[in-house]
Amino acid sequence: MMRSLTICLGIVLTITIIAVRSHPGEVEVSEEEDMTRVLFDFADTSEVKRWLIVNDDVMGGLSEGEASPTEDSCLLFSGSISLENNGGFASVRSRDTDFGLSGYAGIRLRVMGDGRLYQFRLRRDRNLDGVAFKREFQTIKNEWIEIELPFTSFLPTFRGRILTGIEPLDPADIRQLGFLIADKKAGAFALTVDRIVAYE
């Protein structure tokens, strides 16, 4: 009798656990997912509207860049670089946001490029100009790559010059993030961004 009762209780307990785990509306989060936070996922095409273009025309240059959604729900940063009139860069950046990244270690990107060198840039103020923290990354033409960029690897820069004596970047202060191309090569460029994630 006791053995039968124990078996019955075990079955009831198992069914209860299964029911709890499969309760509608509940999603189990893996350990890896719990250690990351998606900042931008362009499956929602309205996310592209949160990005601004800043090109070298602010300094008299002739480069062109634009941000647009793709058919497969990504952000396309594309255009053409001109070296005339002391120009040579195009950029796209997110609108001012308190991302709340205290405790995170860096940024993970999933991108597809054209074989050119790009920068991922972070700003800790709301200004269009001023100090930015940059990290360069190399793309492989027409191949998706995933890149991890630790916050400690970013360098403070202003108008192309690396700065010294600047306080290290505190993730809690990040208010803008973006991409820039300034590889001193004229011609068309295209960088497709699938997602941007912060990782611990």
Protein backbone atom coordinates (compact mmCIF):
# COMPACT_ATOMS: atom_id res chain seq x y z
CA MET A 1 0.00 0.00 0.00
CA MET A 2 2.74 2.45 0.99
CA ARG A 3 4.69 1.63 -2.17
CA SER A 4 1.60 2.30 -4.32
CA LEU A 5 0.97 5.58 -2.50
CA THR A 6 4.58 6.68 -3.04
CA ILE A 7 4.36 5.90 -6.76
CA CYS A 8 1.10 7.83 -7.06
CA LEU A 9 2.57 10.86 -5.26
CA GLY A 10 5.60 10.73 -7.53
CA ILE A 11 3.41 10.72 -10.62
CA VAL A 12 1.34 13.66 -9.33
CA LEU A 13 4.50 15.62 -8.50
CA THR A 14 5.96 14.97 -11.96
CA ILE A 15 2.75 16.10 -13.66
CA THR A 16 2.68 19.25 -11.49
CA ILE A 17 6.27 20.15 -12.42
CA ILE A 18 5.58 19.63 -16.12
CA ALA A 19 2.44 21.74 -15.87
CA VAL A 20 4.34 24.59 -14.18
CA ARG A 21 7.13 24.53 -16.78
CA SER A 22 4.70 24.50 -19.67
CA HIS A 23 2.34 27.11 -18.28
CA PRO A 24 1.10 29.34 -21.12
CA GLY A 25 2.95 32.65 -21.33
CA GLU A 26 6.03 31.46 -19.45
CA VAL A 27 9.33 31.23 -21.27
CA GLU A 28 12.34 29.45 -19.87
CA VAL A 29 15.45 31.63 -20.18
CA SER A 30 18.73 29.87 -20.77
CA GLU A 31 21.80 30.82 -18.75
CA GLU A 32 23.38 32.42 -21.83
CA GLU A 33 20.30 34.52 -22.57
CA ASP A 34 20.14 35.61 -18.93
CA MET A 35 23.68 37.00 -19.24
CA THR A 36 22.88 39.24 -22.22
CA ARG A 37 20.52 42.05 -23.03
CA VAL A 38 19.32 42.93 -26.51
CA LEU A 39 19.74 46.66 -27.17
CA PHE A 40 18.58 46.66 -30.79
CA ASP A 41 16.85 43.92 -32.74
CA PHE A 42 15.77 45.26 -36.10
CA ALA A 43 13.00 42.70 -36.57
CA ASP A 44 10.93 45.71 -35.48
CA THR A 45 11.59 48.04 -38.41
CA SER A 46 10.57 51.07 -36.34
CA GLU A 47 13.89 50.63 -34.48
CA VAL A 48 15.65 52.14 -37.49
CA LYS A 49 13.91 55.45 -36.75
CA ARG A 50 15.93 55.62 -33.52
CA TRP A 51 19.12 56.15 -35.55
CA LEU A 52 20.59 59.37 -36.95
CA ILE A 53 23.04 59.94 -39.80
CA VAL A 54 26.05 62.22 -39.23
CA ASN A 55 28.38 62.59 -42.23
CA ASP A 56 31.43 64.70 -43.00
CA ASP A 57 29.24 67.40 -44.56
CA VAL A 58 29.17 68.92 -41.07
CA MET A 59 32.82 69.80 -41.82
CA GLY A 60 32.43 70.54 -45.54
CA GLY A 61 32.95 66.99 -46.80
CA LEU A 62 31.02 65.23 -49.54
CA SER A 63 30.54 61.71 -48.15
CA GLU A 64 27.04 60.28 -48.07
CA GLY A 65 25.50 57.75 -45.71
CA GLU A 66 22.03 56.55 -44.84
CA ALA A 67 20.28 54.10 -42.53
CA SER A 68 17.44 51.99 -43.86
CA PRO A 69 15.60 48.76 -42.97
CA THR A 70 16.25 45.66 -45.09
CA GLU A 71 13.71 43.10 -46.26
CA ASP A 72 15.11 40.55 -43.83
CA SER A 73 14.67 42.87 -40.81
CA CYS A 74 18.14 44.35 -40.38
CA LEU A 75 19.62 47.85 -40.32
CA LEU A 76 21.56 48.76 -43.47
CA PHE A 77 24.19 51.48 -43.05
CA SER A 78 25.32 52.34 -46.58
CA GLY A 79 26.53 55.13 -48.82
CA SER A 80 29.71 56.42 -50.40
CA ILE A 81 32.91 57.90 -48.95
CA SER A 82 34.52 60.93 -50.59
CA LEU A 83 37.98 62.20 -49.67
CA GLU A 84 37.37 65.61 -51.25
CA ASN A 85 37.18 68.82 -49.20
CA ASN A 86 39.09 67.16 -46.36
CA GLY A 87 36.21 64.73 -45.87
CA GLY A 88 36.28 60.98 -45.49
CA PHE A 89 33.70 59.69 -43.02
CA ALA A 90 30.08 58.70 -42.64
CA SER A 91 28.35 57.56 -39.47
CA VAL A 92 25.09 56.45 -37.97
CA ARG A 93 24.22 56.62 -34.29
CA SER A 94 21.33 55.90 -31.96
CA ARG A 95 19.29 58.70 -30.47
CA ASP A 96 20.06 59.75 -26.91
CA THR A 97 19.07 56.94 -24.54
CA ASP A 98 19.96 55.97 -20.98
CA PHE A 99 20.86 52.35 -21.77
CA GLY A 100 21.51 51.45 -18.13
CA LEU A 101 24.52 49.23 -18.86
CA SER A 102 26.06 49.22 -15.41
CA GLY A 103 27.46 45.75 -14.71
CA TYR A 104 27.82 44.77 -18.36
CA ALA A 105 31.23 43.91 -19.81
CA GLY A 106 30.85 44.77 -23.49
CA ILE A 107 28.88 44.74 -26.72
CA ARG A 108 28.27 41.83 -29.08
CA LEU A 109 27.48 42.61 -32.73
CA ARG A 110 26.15 40.43 -35.52
CA VAL A 111 26.98 42.15 -38.79
CA MET A 112 27.67 41.53 -42.46
CA GLY A 113 29.98 43.91 -44.27
CA ASP A 114 31.86 44.51 -47.48
CA GLY A 115 35.39 43.73 -46.36
CA ARG A 116 36.05 47.28 -45.15
CA LEU A 117 37.15 48.48 -41.71
CA TYR A 118 34.48 50.01 -39.48
CA GLN A 119 34.28 51.52 -36.03
CA PHE A 120 31.74 50.90 -33.30
CA ARG A 121 31.47 54.03 -31.20
CA LEU A 122 30.06 54.89 -27.78
CA ARG A 123 29.27 58.30 -26.31
CA ARG A 124 28.47 59.24 -22.75
CA ASP A 125 26.70 62.53 -23.51
CA ARG A 126 23.86 63.81 -25.69
CA ASN A 127 26.03 65.92 -27.98
CA LEU A 128 26.49 65.38 -31.71
CA ASP A 129 30.16 66.35 -31.36
CA GLY A 130 32.69 65.72 -28.62
CA VAL A 131 34.58 62.77 -27.18
CA ALA A 132 33.62 59.33 -28.47
CA PHE A 133 35.00 55.93 -27.51
CA LYS A 134 35.84 53.78 -30.52
CA ARG A 135 36.68 50.19 -31.30
CA GLU A 136 37.57 49.15 -34.85
CA PHE A 137 36.45 45.88 -36.41
CA GLN A 138 37.19 44.27 -39.74
CA THR A 139 34.38 42.86 -41.85
CA ILE A 140 34.47 39.93 -44.26
CA LYS A 141 32.76 40.60 -47.56
CA ASN A 142 29.24 39.14 -47.71
CA GLU A 143 29.72 37.00 -44.57
CA TRP A 144 27.86 37.24 -41.29
CA ILE A 145 30.22 37.58 -38.32
CA GLU A 146 29.68 37.95 -34.59
CA ILE A 147 32.07 40.22 -32.73
CA GLU A 148 32.56 40.80 -29.00
CA LEU A 149 33.83 44.26 -28.03
CA PRO A 150 34.80 44.59 -24.34
CA PHE A 151 34.22 48.08 -22.95
CA THR A 152 37.82 48.10 -21.70
CA SER A 153 39.08 47.91 -25.31
CA PHE A 154 37.48 51.20 -26.44
CA LEU A 155 39.74 54.21 -27.01
CA PRO A 156 38.73 57.85 -26.42
CA THR A 157 38.85 59.87 -29.63
CA PHE A 158 37.95 63.32 -30.95
CA ARG A 159 37.76 64.05 -34.69
CA GLY A 160 40.08 61.19 -35.52
CA ARG A 161 42.66 61.81 -32.79
CA ILE A 162 43.25 59.41 -29.90
CA LEU A 163 43.05 61.31 -26.61
CA THR A 164 45.01 60.89 -23.40
CA GLY A 165 44.06 61.85 -19.86
CA ILE A 166 40.41 60.88 -20.37
CA GLU A 167 38.55 58.98 -17.65
CA PRO A 168 37.91 55.33 -18.61
CA LEU A 169 34.53 54.55 -20.10
CA ASP A 170 31.92 53.66 -17.49
CA PRO A 171 29.16 51.52 -19.09
CA ALA A 172 26.62 53.19 -16.82
CA ASP A 173 27.25 56.49 -18.62
CA ILE A 174 26.65 55.29 -22.20
CA ARG A 175 23.93 57.31 -23.93
CA GLN A 176 24.70 56.87 -27.65
CA LEU A 177 26.13 54.09 -29.75
CA GLY A 178 26.81 53.85 -33.43
CA PHE A 179 28.91 52.90 -36.44
CA LEU A 180 31.41 54.96 -38.41
CA ILE A 181 33.50 54.33 -41.50
CA ALA A 182 36.67 56.38 -42.00
CA ASP A 183 39.18 54.00 -43.57
CA LYS A 184 40.66 56.63 -45.95
CA LYS A 185 39.26 54.82 -48.99
CA ALA A 186 36.85 56.48 -51.39
CA GLY A 187 33.90 54.54 -52.74
CA ALA A 188 30.71 52.74 -51.82
CA PHE A 189 30.24 50.95 -48.49
CA ALA A 190 27.55 48.79 -46.93
CA LEU A 191 27.24 47.35 -43.43
CA THR A 192 24.21 45.25 -42.46
CA VAL A 193 23.46 45.02 -38.72
CA ASP A 194 21.31 42.18 -37.44
CA ARG A 195 21.42 42.88 -33.70
CA ILE A 196 23.33 44.66 -30.94
CA VAL A 197 23.56 42.96 -27.55
CA ALA A 198 25.17 43.86 -24.23
CA TYR A 199 26.84 40.98 -22.42
CA GLU A 200 27.93 40.52 -18.81
